[in-house]
Amino acid sequence: MRRREFLACGASAAAAGALFTSRLSFANATGTGRSRLVFVILRGALDGLAAVPPYGDRDYASLRRDLAFSASNVLPLNDMFGLHPSLAFLQESFAARELIVFHAIASPYRERSHFDGQDVLENGYVRAHAAQSGWLNRALAAVAADGRATNKELGVALGQNVPLVMRGPAAVTSWSPSKLAALDDDTLERITDLYAADPLLAGRLADALAADAIAMAPNAAGEMPANRPLDGGTPNRLSSDVGTQLAPAKLRSKAAGSPGARYTEVIHAAAEFLRREDGPKVAVFDTTGWDTHANEGAAQGQLAGRLAALDAGLRSLKEQLGPVWNETAVVLATEFGRTAAINGTHGTDHGTATAAFLVGGAVRGGRVIADWPGLSSRGLYQGRDLMPTLDIRSVLKGVLGEHLLVPSRALEATVFPDSGGVKPLGDLIRT
C-alpha cells in the first residue's frame, strides 16, 4: 500500500468513526466519571519495526534480513502492518476495537541519547531539560484548576521514583515495590509512636501505610498480589515510596526478578488504586530493557520475552480493573525508535521514529494510524531510521482533551508549550 492510499484509508476510518466501538481515563464534564488514564513509559527505545512489523513494505525484509517477519508469522492488523507474535492480547484488543496503533511516530527530539530523549518525552517541551515538571502533572493541575477534580491526589506513580512526567504542581502519590522485610504490628506501632510528635513524619508515615494498604489489597477475584521476590525474601509490608525513604538505608533495595514478576506486582497495585472511587484517576509506571543493540531476536529471544511480559501485564490490568476497564485508556510510548536495518550483532541501534499504542475500554480502536513514509533508502531519516511523520504530542493532546477534558487553552499554554503547530488527533476516545 502506497503512502497516498494509506492516508486515504486513514481519512475513511476517521470519517467512519461512529462505526468503531473499540476502546486510562479521568473525569466527565462534572468530575464524577470513572474514567482512568495509564501512561506506560518503555525506557530504552522500543524497536517499533519489530513490535509492529510493516511486513507489507517491499523494502522491509531486505533491511531486517533474518529478523524480518512475514505474513505467516505476524499477528495481522491489515495488509501492511502486523503485531509481534508475543502481543496476543493487543491483537485481541485490536479485534475488539480497543486498540489504536500509531506508527512512524516520534517526539520532537531528533538526537539519539536515551537520557535526553526520555526527558523530552516526559517534559512536554521541544528540548531536553527545559522544565522540572512533566506534561501529565501539568495536565492534572489544569483539570484541578478548572474545578472538576474532587480527589486530593489525582495521580499515582508506581516505581522506585516519581518520573519527571508526574512531577509538578499537582498533588500525586507514589508506591514502590521493594524487598524490605515484613514489618509486624508491634514494629509499626513503635514507629508510629516515634513519629507521632512530628507532624511531617507522622503524616508521611500515614500516607505510606494508606498507599500500601491499597496496593496490597486483594484484587477483584479476591487474590492477593504475588509480591514475593524470586530470591525467596519475605513479602513487603511497608512498601510505598515514602515508607521506603523512611526505612534505614541498609534495608533499602530495588525490586528484583524477571519482567513478568515485576509487572505482576505493579499491575496489581495500579488496578487497586484505579478501582477506588476516591483514589487517583491517573497512574504511571515505566518498564526497562528495550535497548536491543545485540541479539534482539525475532519471534523468539530477548525482545520477544519482554513483549510477552508487557502483553501479559496489560491483560492482567484489564482483568483486575473489571468494569473500570471500560472507562480506561492506556498509552504506551518510548523515547525513540531503532535503526531500520539490523547491525552486525543481530540487534538494532538507536533510531528515530517508532510505534506507540493506545489501548483500553474507552478507546475507539481497531485502527492503525500512520502516514507511512516507506523504508526505501530515499524515505529513511538521515538514510538510516524510520522517518517520523506523526508527533506524539498530537496523540497526547487528543487523549488529554477527549478523555481527561483538559482545556485546549491549557494544552497549548502549559501542558505542551511551543506546540501551536501540533494539532490534537481527534476521535481517539469513545463518547
Protein backbone atom coordinates (compact mmCIF):
# COMPACT_ATOMS: atom_id res chain seq x y z
CA MET A 1 0.00 0.00 0.00
CA ARG A 2 1.46 3.33 -1.06
CA ARG A 3 1.53 6.35 1.21
CA ARG A 4 -1.30 8.23 -0.52
CA GLU A 5 -3.56 5.18 -0.38
CA PHE A 6 -2.77 4.72 3.29
CA LEU A 7 -3.66 8.30 4.05
CA ALA A 8 -6.93 7.83 2.22
CA CYS A 9 -7.68 4.78 4.33
CA GLY A 10 -6.94 6.80 7.48
CA ALA A 11 -9.34 9.52 6.38
CA SER A 12 -12.03 6.95 5.66
CA ALA A 13 -11.52 5.40 9.08
CA ALA A 14 -11.85 8.79 10.76
CA ALA A 15 -15.00 9.56 8.79
CA ALA A 16 -16.45 6.23 9.82
CA GLY A 17 -15.51 6.74 13.46
CA ALA A 18 -19.07 6.24 14.61
CA LEU A 19 -18.84 2.65 13.41
CA PHE A 20 -15.98 1.86 15.76
CA THR A 21 -16.93 0.59 19.16
CA SER A 22 -13.40 -0.14 20.39
CA ARG A 23 -11.72 1.11 23.45
CA LEU A 24 -6.65 5.01 31.20
CA SER A 25 -9.05 7.97 31.66
CA PHE A 26 -10.05 10.71 34.11
CA ALA A 27 -13.34 12.53 34.57
CA ASN A 28 -16.50 13.55 32.81
CA ALA A 29 -17.69 17.12 32.50
CA THR A 30 -18.95 17.19 36.06
CA GLY A 31 -15.91 15.46 37.56
CA THR A 32 -17.89 12.45 38.74
CA GLY A 33 -16.97 9.97 36.00
CA ARG A 34 -14.95 6.80 36.48
CA SER A 35 -12.60 7.44 33.55
CA ARG A 36 -8.98 6.39 34.13
CA LEU A 37 -5.67 7.00 32.34
CA VAL A 38 -2.47 4.97 32.49
CA PHE A 39 0.80 6.09 30.93
CA VAL A 40 3.45 3.40 30.45
CA ILE A 41 6.99 4.52 29.55
CA LEU A 42 9.01 1.94 27.61
CA ARG A 43 12.54 3.05 28.52
CA GLY A 44 15.40 2.07 26.25
CA ALA A 45 13.89 2.77 22.81
CA LEU A 46 11.42 0.12 21.68
CA ASP A 47 12.02 -1.29 18.19
CA GLY A 48 8.76 -0.27 16.55
CA LEU A 49 9.65 -2.13 13.36
CA ALA A 50 9.71 -5.36 15.40
CA ALA A 51 6.76 -4.65 17.72
CA VAL A 52 4.63 -3.60 14.73
CA PRO A 53 6.36 -5.07 11.65
CA PRO A 54 5.46 -3.34 8.36
CA TYR A 55 5.61 -6.68 6.58
CA GLY A 56 3.77 -5.25 3.57
CA ASP A 57 6.55 -2.73 2.84
CA ARG A 58 8.64 -4.04 -0.08
CA ASP A 59 11.92 -2.83 1.49
CA TYR A 60 11.30 -4.22 4.96
CA ALA A 61 12.57 -7.79 4.52
CA SER A 62 15.88 -6.75 2.93
CA LEU A 63 16.61 -4.34 5.79
CA ARG A 64 15.71 -6.73 8.58
CA ARG A 65 17.02 -9.93 6.94
CA ASP A 66 16.78 -12.83 9.43
CA LEU A 67 14.93 -10.62 11.95
CA ALA A 68 12.16 -9.85 9.45
CA PHE A 69 8.60 -11.05 9.93
CA SER A 70 6.31 -12.17 7.15
CA ALA A 71 2.57 -12.58 6.74
CA SER A 72 2.92 -16.13 8.04
CA ASN A 73 4.42 -15.26 11.43
CA VAL A 74 2.88 -11.93 12.45
CA LEU A 75 -0.43 -11.29 14.13
CA PRO A 76 -2.06 -9.40 11.26
CA LEU A 77 -3.66 -5.98 11.64
CA ASN A 78 -4.08 -5.22 7.92
CA ASP A 79 -2.24 -5.83 4.65
CA MET A 80 0.63 -3.57 5.68
CA PHE A 81 1.12 -4.00 9.42
CA GLY A 82 1.05 -6.79 11.96
CA LEU A 83 1.88 -7.24 15.62
CA HIS A 84 4.81 -9.19 17.02
CA PRO A 85 3.64 -12.76 17.77
CA SER A 86 4.19 -12.13 21.50
CA LEU A 87 1.43 -9.49 21.54
CA ALA A 88 -1.63 -11.74 21.54
CA PHE A 89 -3.63 -9.60 23.98
CA LEU A 90 -3.04 -6.49 21.90
CA GLN A 91 -4.25 -8.30 18.80
CA GLU A 92 -7.39 -9.37 20.67
CA SER A 93 -7.84 -5.75 21.73
CA PHE A 94 -7.48 -4.60 18.12
CA ALA A 95 -10.12 -7.08 17.01
CA ALA A 96 -12.38 -5.86 19.84
CA ARG A 97 -11.93 -2.24 18.65
CA GLU A 98 -10.00 -1.43 21.84
CA LEU A 99 -6.56 -0.68 20.39
CA ILE A 100 -5.12 2.02 18.16
CA VAL A 101 -1.60 1.50 16.83
CA PHE A 102 0.40 4.58 15.85
CA HIS A 103 3.41 4.14 13.58
CA ALA A 104 6.20 6.38 12.31
CA ILE A 105 5.65 8.40 15.49
CA ALA A 106 8.22 10.39 17.48
CA SER A 107 8.64 13.19 19.97
CA PRO A 108 10.25 16.47 18.80
CA TYR A 109 13.65 15.04 19.83
CA ARG A 110 15.97 14.17 16.91
CA GLU A 111 19.19 13.06 18.60
CA ARG A 112 19.79 9.59 19.98
CA SER A 113 20.57 9.95 23.70
CA HIS A 114 18.35 7.87 25.98
CA PHE A 115 18.51 10.42 28.79
CA ASP A 116 17.67 13.43 26.66
CA GLY A 117 15.07 11.52 24.65
CA GLN A 118 13.26 10.40 27.78
CA ASP A 119 13.43 13.92 29.19
CA VAL A 120 11.70 15.34 26.08
CA LEU A 121 9.12 12.55 26.11
CA GLU A 122 8.25 13.42 29.70
CA ASN A 123 8.70 17.19 29.98
CA GLY A 124 6.40 18.07 27.04
CA TYR A 125 8.76 20.67 25.60
CA VAL A 126 10.73 20.59 22.35
CA ARG A 127 14.14 20.22 24.03
CA ALA A 128 15.68 18.29 26.87
CA HIS A 129 15.96 19.78 30.36
CA ALA A 130 13.60 22.62 29.51
CA ALA A 131 11.46 22.08 32.63
CA GLN A 132 11.48 20.39 36.02
CA SER A 133 7.86 19.30 35.65
CA GLY A 134 6.10 16.89 33.32
CA TRP A 135 3.22 17.30 30.88
CA LEU A 136 0.96 14.83 32.68
CA ASN A 137 1.30 16.55 36.04
CA ARG A 138 0.63 19.91 34.42
CA ALA A 139 -2.45 18.42 32.75
CA LEU A 140 -3.71 17.27 36.14
CA ALA A 141 -3.07 20.73 37.53
CA ALA A 142 -5.14 22.21 34.69
CA VAL A 143 -8.04 19.86 35.47
CA ALA A 144 -7.85 20.78 39.15
CA ALA A 145 -7.73 24.49 38.33
CA ASP A 146 -10.79 24.04 36.13
CA GLY A 147 -12.76 23.00 39.22
CA ARG A 148 -13.56 19.45 38.10
CA ALA A 149 -11.29 17.47 40.41
CA THR A 150 -12.56 16.40 43.80
CA ASN A 151 -9.77 13.98 44.73
CA LYS A 152 -6.89 15.09 46.96
CA GLU A 153 -4.31 13.26 44.86
CA LEU A 154 -5.12 12.96 41.18
CA GLY A 155 -2.36 10.59 40.12
CA VAL A 156 -0.12 7.81 41.35
CA ALA A 157 3.42 6.93 40.27
CA LEU A 158 4.31 3.27 40.62
CA GLY A 159 8.05 2.61 40.82
CA GLN A 160 11.26 3.39 42.64
CA ASN A 161 10.98 7.10 41.79
CA VAL A 162 8.35 9.57 40.66
CA PRO A 163 9.18 10.03 36.96
CA LEU A 164 9.53 13.51 35.50
CA VAL A 165 6.21 13.22 33.65
CA MET A 166 4.40 13.11 37.02
CA ARG A 167 6.36 15.85 38.80
CA GLY A 168 4.93 19.32 39.11
CA PRO A 169 2.27 21.43 40.84
CA ALA A 170 -0.50 18.81 41.04
CA ALA A 171 -0.67 16.57 44.12
CA VAL A 172 0.25 12.96 43.34
CA THR A 173 1.02 9.92 45.43
CA SER A 174 3.54 7.15 44.89
CA TRP A 175 4.08 3.50 45.67
CA SER A 176 7.15 1.36 45.16
CA PRO A 177 7.65 -2.41 45.24
CA SER A 178 10.69 -3.40 47.27
CA LYS A 179 12.31 -6.25 49.17
CA LEU A 180 12.01 -4.77 52.64
CA ALA A 181 11.48 -7.39 55.29
CA ALA A 182 7.91 -7.64 56.54
CA LEU A 183 7.14 -5.34 59.45
CA ASP A 184 4.99 -6.77 62.22
CA ASP A 185 2.27 -4.80 64.00
CA ASP A 186 4.44 -4.16 67.08
CA THR A 187 7.20 -2.60 64.98
CA LEU A 188 4.72 -0.42 63.12
CA GLU A 189 3.21 0.74 66.40
CA ARG A 190 6.66 1.68 67.71
CA ILE A 191 7.46 3.63 64.52
CA THR A 192 4.09 5.36 64.72
CA ASP A 193 4.71 6.37 68.33
CA LEU A 194 8.21 7.56 67.46
CA TYR A 195 6.92 9.81 64.66
CA ALA A 196 3.78 11.00 66.50
CA ALA A 197 5.40 14.19 67.79
CA ASP A 198 6.48 15.27 64.32
CA PRO A 199 3.53 16.26 62.09
CA LEU A 200 5.57 15.89 58.87
CA LEU A 201 6.91 12.40 59.61
CA ALA A 202 3.61 11.25 61.09
CA GLY A 203 1.76 12.42 58.01
CA ARG A 204 4.25 10.81 55.65
CA LEU A 205 4.04 7.51 57.50
CA ALA A 206 0.25 7.57 57.48
CA ASP A 207 0.24 8.26 53.75
CA ALA A 208 2.71 5.45 53.16
CA LEU A 209 0.65 2.94 55.11
CA ALA A 210 -2.55 4.02 53.38
CA ALA A 211 -0.96 3.67 49.95
CA ASP A 212 0.45 0.27 50.83
CA ALA A 213 -2.92 -0.91 52.12
CA ILE A 214 -4.48 -0.02 48.77
CA ALA A 215 -1.70 -1.54 46.66
CA MET A 216 -1.57 -4.80 48.62
CA ALA A 217 -5.32 -5.35 48.88
CA PRO A 218 -6.90 -8.44 47.28
CA ASN A 219 -7.87 -7.96 43.65
CA ALA A 220 -11.36 -8.21 42.20
CA ALA A 221 -11.13 -12.01 42.32
CA GLY A 222 -10.09 -11.99 45.97
CA GLU A 223 -6.47 -12.87 45.16
CA MET A 224 -3.51 -11.32 46.95
CA PRO A 225 -0.65 -9.88 44.88
CA ALA A 226 2.19 -12.23 44.07
CA ASN A 227 4.87 -9.99 45.55
CA ARG A 228 7.43 -12.45 46.87
CA PRO A 229 10.87 -11.70 45.44
CA LEU A 230 12.35 -14.50 43.37
CA ASP A 231 15.26 -14.77 45.81
CA GLY A 232 12.93 -16.14 48.50
CA GLY A 233 12.63 -12.94 50.54
CA THR A 234 9.52 -12.14 52.51
CA PRO A 235 6.62 -10.07 51.17
CA ASN A 236 6.88 -6.37 51.76
CA ARG A 237 4.61 -4.73 54.36
CA LEU A 238 5.65 -1.08 54.29
CA SER A 239 6.46 -0.70 50.62
CA SER A 240 5.29 2.71 49.48
CA ASP A 241 7.88 5.10 48.11
CA VAL A 242 7.56 7.29 51.19
CA GLY A 243 7.79 4.31 53.51
CA THR A 244 10.95 3.13 51.78
CA GLN A 245 12.51 6.56 52.27
CA LEU A 246 11.75 6.38 55.98
CA ALA A 247 13.40 2.97 56.39
CA PRO A 248 17.09 2.63 57.34
CA ALA A 249 19.33 2.90 54.27
CA LYS A 250 20.81 -0.56 54.78
CA LEU A 251 17.35 -2.09 54.38
CA ARG A 252 16.60 -0.40 51.05
CA SER A 253 16.92 -2.38 47.83
CA LYS A 254 15.42 -2.41 44.40
CA ALA A 255 12.76 -4.88 43.34
CA ALA A 256 14.26 -7.96 41.76
CA GLY A 257 13.11 -10.63 39.39
CA SER A 258 12.02 -11.13 35.82
CA PRO A 259 9.99 -8.53 33.87
CA GLY A 260 6.90 -10.68 34.38
CA ALA A 261 7.38 -10.79 38.16
CA ARG A 262 7.73 -7.02 38.35
CA TYR A 263 4.66 -6.46 36.16
CA THR A 264 2.58 -8.71 38.44
CA GLU A 265 3.19 -6.52 41.47
CA VAL A 266 2.97 -3.15 39.73
CA ILE A 267 -0.15 -4.06 37.73
CA HIS A 268 -1.90 -5.26 40.88
CA ALA A 269 -1.06 -2.00 42.65
CA ALA A 270 -2.20 0.10 39.67
CA ALA A 271 -5.51 -1.72 39.50
CA GLU A 272 -6.13 -1.32 43.22
CA PHE A 273 -5.51 2.42 43.08
CA LEU A 274 -7.60 2.98 39.96
CA ARG A 275 -10.58 0.87 41.03
CA ARG A 276 -11.24 3.10 44.03
CA GLU A 277 -13.85 5.81 43.54
CA ASP A 278 -11.90 8.13 45.86
CA GLY A 279 -8.47 7.13 44.57
CA PRO A 280 -6.18 8.51 41.87
CA LYS A 281 -7.58 8.60 38.35
CA VAL A 282 -4.20 8.50 36.59
CA ALA A 283 -1.36 6.01 37.02
CA VAL A 284 2.16 5.99 35.59
CA PHE A 285 4.80 3.29 35.58
CA ASP A 286 7.82 2.53 33.46
CA THR A 287 9.50 -0.55 32.06
CA THR A 288 13.11 -1.06 31.03
CA GLY A 289 15.21 -3.37 28.88
CA TRP A 290 14.15 -2.17 25.42
CA ASP A 291 17.69 -1.22 24.31
CA THR A 292 18.29 -4.17 21.97
CA HIS A 293 21.73 -3.49 20.47
CA ALA A 294 22.65 -7.18 20.22
CA ASN A 295 20.83 -10.49 19.84
CA GLU A 296 17.44 -8.83 19.63
CA GLY A 297 15.73 -11.94 18.30
CA ALA A 298 12.65 -12.23 16.16
CA ALA A 299 9.73 -14.45 17.17
CA GLN A 300 11.95 -15.79 19.98
CA GLY A 301 14.63 -14.07 22.03
CA GLN A 302 15.05 -11.20 24.47
CA LEU A 303 12.69 -8.74 22.77
CA ALA A 304 10.03 -11.41 22.37
CA GLY A 305 10.23 -12.20 26.07
CA ARG A 306 9.84 -8.57 27.11
CA LEU A 307 6.95 -8.00 24.73
CA ALA A 308 5.24 -11.13 26.08
CA ALA A 309 5.63 -9.89 29.67
CA LEU A 310 4.23 -6.47 28.71
CA ASP A 311 1.32 -8.07 26.87
CA ALA A 312 0.51 -10.33 29.82
CA GLY A 313 0.68 -7.33 32.16
CA LEU A 314 -1.86 -5.44 30.06
CA ARG A 315 -4.16 -8.45 30.00
CA SER A 316 -3.88 -8.68 33.79
CA LEU A 317 -4.65 -4.98 34.13
CA LYS A 318 -7.85 -5.42 32.16
CA GLU A 319 -8.87 -8.41 34.26
CA GLN A 320 -8.13 -6.73 37.57
CA LEU A 321 -9.81 -3.45 36.67
CA GLY A 322 -13.02 -5.27 35.88
CA PRO A 323 -15.79 -2.83 34.85
CA VAL A 324 -13.42 0.13 35.26
CA TRP A 325 -11.58 -1.09 32.14
CA ASN A 326 -14.49 0.18 30.07
CA GLU A 327 -13.59 3.74 31.15
CA THR A 328 -9.83 3.26 30.86
CA ALA A 329 -7.25 4.30 28.27
CA VAL A 330 -3.61 3.16 28.38
CA VAL A 331 -0.89 4.99 26.46
CA LEU A 332 2.38 3.14 25.80
CA ALA A 333 5.28 5.20 24.46
CA THR A 334 9.07 5.10 24.15
CA GLU A 335 11.74 7.80 23.75
CA PHE A 336 12.66 6.95 20.13
CA GLY A 337 12.89 4.01 17.77
CA ARG A 338 15.71 1.94 16.32
CA THR A 339 17.53 1.71 13.02
CA ALA A 340 15.69 0.33 10.02
CA ALA A 341 18.49 -2.12 9.25
CA ILE A 342 19.91 -4.61 11.72
CA ASN A 343 23.52 -4.28 12.82
CA GLY A 344 26.42 -6.75 12.85
CA THR A 345 25.46 -8.20 16.24
CA HIS A 346 21.91 -9.13 15.23
CA GLY A 347 20.44 -6.14 17.00
CA THR A 348 19.41 -2.60 16.18
CA ASP A 349 20.94 0.73 17.10
CA HIS A 350 19.35 3.97 18.29
CA GLY A 351 16.95 5.39 15.72
CA THR A 352 14.17 7.96 15.40
CA ALA A 353 10.53 7.09 14.68
CA THR A 354 8.84 4.08 16.24
CA ALA A 355 5.41 2.73 17.23
CA ALA A 356 3.10 3.67 20.11
CA PHE A 357 -0.13 2.19 21.43
CA LEU A 358 -3.44 3.38 22.87
CA VAL A 359 -5.47 0.55 24.39
CA GLY A 360 -8.45 0.31 26.73
CA GLY A 361 -12.18 0.07 27.02
CA ALA A 362 -12.55 3.82 26.44
CA VAL A 363 -10.58 3.77 23.17
CA ARG A 364 -12.22 4.00 19.76
CA GLY A 365 -9.89 1.41 18.32
CA GLY A 366 -9.46 -1.17 15.63
CA ARG A 367 -7.21 1.19 13.65
CA VAL A 368 -3.63 1.74 12.59
CA ILE A 369 -2.90 5.45 12.28
CA ALA A 370 0.20 6.08 10.18
CA ASP A 371 1.33 8.44 7.46
CA TRP A 372 3.70 5.73 6.31
CA PRO A 373 6.92 7.12 4.75
CA GLY A 374 8.19 3.78 3.48
CA LEU A 375 11.54 2.13 4.08
CA SER A 376 13.25 2.89 0.79
CA SER A 377 16.69 4.49 1.04
CA ARG A 378 15.20 7.84 -0.02
CA GLY A 379 12.41 7.58 2.56
CA LEU A 380 14.63 6.94 5.58
CA TYR A 381 15.53 9.69 8.03
CA GLN A 382 19.24 10.51 7.60
CA GLY A 383 19.47 7.39 5.47
CA ARG A 384 19.14 5.03 8.45
CA ASP A 385 15.96 5.47 10.53
CA LEU A 386 12.22 5.26 10.07
CA MET A 387 11.12 8.79 9.13
CA PRO A 388 8.90 10.47 11.76
CA THR A 389 5.59 11.62 10.25
CA LEU A 390 3.43 11.82 13.41
CA ASP A 391 4.20 13.91 16.50
CA ILE A 392 3.39 12.05 19.71
CA ARG A 393 2.10 15.33 21.16
CA SER A 394 -0.79 15.09 18.69
CA VAL A 395 -1.81 11.79 20.26
CA LEU A 396 -1.29 13.00 23.82
CA LYS A 397 -3.23 16.21 23.18
CA GLY A 398 -6.09 14.19 21.74
CA VAL A 399 -6.22 11.79 24.68
CA LEU A 400 -5.91 14.55 27.30
CA GLY A 401 -8.54 16.69 25.62
CA GLU A 402 -11.10 13.99 24.90
CA HIS A 403 -10.52 11.73 27.87
CA LEU A 404 -9.32 13.95 30.71
CA LEU A 405 -11.15 17.00 29.38
CA VAL A 406 -8.06 19.18 29.76
CA PRO A 407 -8.99 22.61 28.38
CA SER A 408 -7.47 23.32 24.98
CA ARG A 409 -6.01 26.60 26.23
CA ALA A 410 -4.06 24.69 28.90
CA LEU A 411 -2.87 22.11 26.38
CA GLU A 412 -1.29 24.86 24.30
CA ALA A 413 -0.08 27.18 27.05
CA THR A 414 1.15 24.98 29.90
CA VAL A 415 0.92 21.26 29.11
CA PHE A 416 2.77 21.32 25.78
CA PRO A 417 4.33 24.78 25.35
CA ASP A 418 5.62 25.68 21.87
CA SER A 419 3.26 23.17 20.25
CA GLY A 420 0.87 25.51 18.48
CA GLY A 421 1.54 23.83 15.14
CA VAL A 422 0.83 20.37 16.53
CA LYS A 423 -2.87 19.71 16.23
CA PRO A 424 -4.53 17.14 18.50
CA LEU A 425 -5.69 13.93 16.90
CA GLY A 426 -9.43 13.57 17.32
CA ASP A 427 -11.82 10.66 17.61
CA LEU A 428 -9.47 8.61 19.80
CA ILE A 429 -11.88 8.13 22.70
CA ARG A 430 -15.39 6.74 22.66
CA THR A 431 -18.16 9.13 23.61
